[in-house]
Amino acid sequence: KVKGIRILSTESGNGKSLYNEAMSTLTKNKYEDLMDVADKGSNTKFMVREENGMVKELLMISGSGESFTLLS
């Protein structure tokens, strides 16, 4: 029962700095890490927020030298 999807993406600028900024602004105690993928200059992180045993939000944050994507 997906209620919505939000995607923020850029292919210009410094994706690594946007990734670091996004990670620093997240409230870590609300999200649980599911998976981290580091590959040749890019980082991707999947995180989930649960309430009462139900997944309320799934985040994917990805950043590399030239691109950044946040999917919620």
C-alpha atoms as a PDB file:
ATOM      1  CA  LYS A   1       0.000   0.000   0.000  1.00  0.00           C
ATOM      2  CA  VAL A   2       2.359   2.688  -1.255  1.00  0.00           C
ATOM      3  CA  LYS A   3       0.882   6.101  -0.546  1.00  0.00           C
ATOM      4  CA  GLY A   4       3.422   8.152  -2.488  1.00  0.00           C
ATOM      5  CA  ILE A   5       6.904   8.418  -3.861  1.00  0.00           C
ATOM      6  CA  ARG A   6       9.270  11.379  -3.860  1.00  0.00           C
ATOM      7  CA  ILE A   7      12.446  11.560  -5.923  1.00  0.00           C
ATOM      8  CA  LEU A   8      15.093  14.275  -5.794  1.00  0.00           C
ATOM      9  CA  SER A   9      17.889  13.866  -8.324  1.00  0.00           C
ATOM     10  CA  THR A  10      20.673  15.929  -9.857  1.00  0.00           C
ATOM     11  CA  GLU A  11      23.435  15.171 -12.332  1.00  0.00           C
ATOM     12  CA  SER A  12      25.335  18.418 -11.922  1.00  0.00           C
ATOM     13  CA  GLY A  13      27.316  19.644  -8.981  1.00  0.00           C
ATOM     14  CA  ASN A  14      29.048  17.643  -6.297  1.00  0.00           C
ATOM     15  CA  GLY A  15      26.964  14.568  -5.471  1.00  0.00           C
ATOM     16  CA  LYS A  16      29.294  13.516  -2.647  1.00  0.00           C
ATOM     17  CA  SER A  17      28.776  16.769  -0.727  1.00  0.00           C
ATOM     18  CA  LEU A  18      24.989  16.556  -1.225  1.00  0.00           C
ATOM     19  CA  TYR A  19      25.084  12.952   0.043  1.00  0.00           C
ATOM     20  CA  ASN A  20      27.061  13.998   3.134  1.00  0.00           C
ATOM     21  CA  GLU A  21      24.707  16.922   3.767  1.00  0.00           C
ATOM     22  CA  ALA A  22      21.623  14.694   3.481  1.00  0.00           C
ATOM     23  CA  MET A  23      23.135  12.128   5.844  1.00  0.00           C
ATOM     24  CA  SER A  24      23.999  14.800   8.404  1.00  0.00           C
ATOM     25  CA  THR A  25      20.445  16.213   8.435  1.00  0.00           C
ATOM     26  CA  LEU A  26      18.660  12.880   8.938  1.00  0.00           C
ATOM     27  CA  THR A  27      17.444  12.099  12.427  1.00  0.00           C
ATOM     28  CA  LYS A  28      19.407   8.895  12.983  1.00  0.00           C
ATOM     29  CA  ASN A  29      17.236   7.642  15.839  1.00  0.00           C
ATOM     30  CA  LYS A  30      14.179   7.507  13.537  1.00  0.00           C
ATOM     31  CA  TYR A  31      15.784   5.457  10.756  1.00  0.00           C
ATOM     32  CA  GLU A  32      17.341   2.000  10.782  1.00  0.00           C
ATOM     33  CA  ASP A  33      20.075   1.125   8.282  1.00  0.00           C
ATOM     34  CA  LEU A  34      19.125  -1.693   5.933  1.00  0.00           C
ATOM     35  CA  MET A  35      22.084  -1.722   3.557  1.00  0.00           C
ATOM     36  CA  ASP A  36      25.160   0.310   2.592  1.00  0.00           C
ATOM     37  CA  VAL A  37      26.782  -0.011  -0.823  1.00  0.00           C
ATOM     38  CA  ALA A  38      30.125   1.652  -1.588  1.00  0.00           C
ATOM     39  CA  ASP A  39      31.415   1.262  -5.139  1.00  0.00           C
ATOM     40  CA  LYS A  40      34.183   3.149  -6.985  1.00  0.00           C
ATOM     41  CA  GLY A  41      33.482   6.649  -5.737  1.00  0.00           C
ATOM     42  CA  SER A  42      29.772   6.319  -5.050  1.00  0.00           C
ATOM     43  CA  ASN A  43      27.828   5.604  -1.871  1.00  0.00           C
ATOM     44  CA  THR A  44      24.275   4.293  -1.607  1.00  0.00           C
ATOM     45  CA  LYS A  45      22.382   3.823   1.638  1.00  0.00           C
ATOM     46  CA  PHE A  46      18.984   2.257   2.239  1.00  0.00           C
ATOM     47  CA  MET A  47      17.196   3.177   5.474  1.00  0.00           C
ATOM     48  CA  VAL A  48      13.759   2.432   6.900  1.00  0.00           C
ATOM     49  CA  ARG A  49      11.493   4.112   9.448  1.00  0.00           C
ATOM     50  CA  GLU A  50       9.062   1.841  11.271  1.00  0.00           C
ATOM     51  CA  GLU A  51       6.098   2.558  13.525  1.00  0.00           C
ATOM     52  CA  ASN A  52       4.358  -0.225  15.453  1.00  0.00           C
ATOM     53  CA  GLY A  53       6.085  -2.889  13.359  1.00  0.00           C
ATOM     54  CA  MET A  54       4.948  -1.341  10.057  1.00  0.00           C
ATOM     55  CA  VAL A  55       7.293   0.259   7.525  1.00  0.00           C
ATOM     56  CA  LYS A  56       6.266   3.906   7.230  1.00  0.00           C
ATOM     57  CA  GLU A  57       9.115   5.160   5.042  1.00  0.00           C
ATOM     58  CA  LEU A  58      11.906   3.690   2.956  1.00  0.00           C
ATOM     59  CA  LEU A  59      14.798   5.977   1.969  1.00  0.00           C
ATOM     60  CA  MET A  60      17.444   5.446  -0.659  1.00  0.00           C
ATOM     61  CA  ILE A  61      20.227   8.029  -0.702  1.00  0.00           C
ATOM     62  CA  SER A  62      22.937   7.836  -3.349  1.00  0.00           C
ATOM     63  CA  GLY A  63      25.832  10.168  -4.127  1.00  0.00           C
ATOM     64  CA  SER A  64      28.835  10.093  -6.407  1.00  0.00           C
ATOM     65  CA  GLY A  65      31.201  12.678  -7.845  1.00  0.00           C
ATOM     66  CA  GLU A  66      28.680  14.085 -10.310  1.00  0.00           C
ATOM     67  CA  SER A  67      25.223  12.857  -9.247  1.00  0.00           C
ATOM     68  CA  PHE A  68      22.935  12.666  -6.219  1.00  0.00           C
ATOM     69  CA  THR A  69      19.586  10.882  -5.748  1.00  0.00           C
ATOM     70  CA  LEU A  70      17.219  10.754  -2.787  1.00  0.00           C
ATOM     71  CA  LEU A  71      14.196   8.489  -3.058  1.00  0.00           C
ATOM     72  CA  SER A  72      11.543   8.362  -0.355  1.00  0.00           C
END
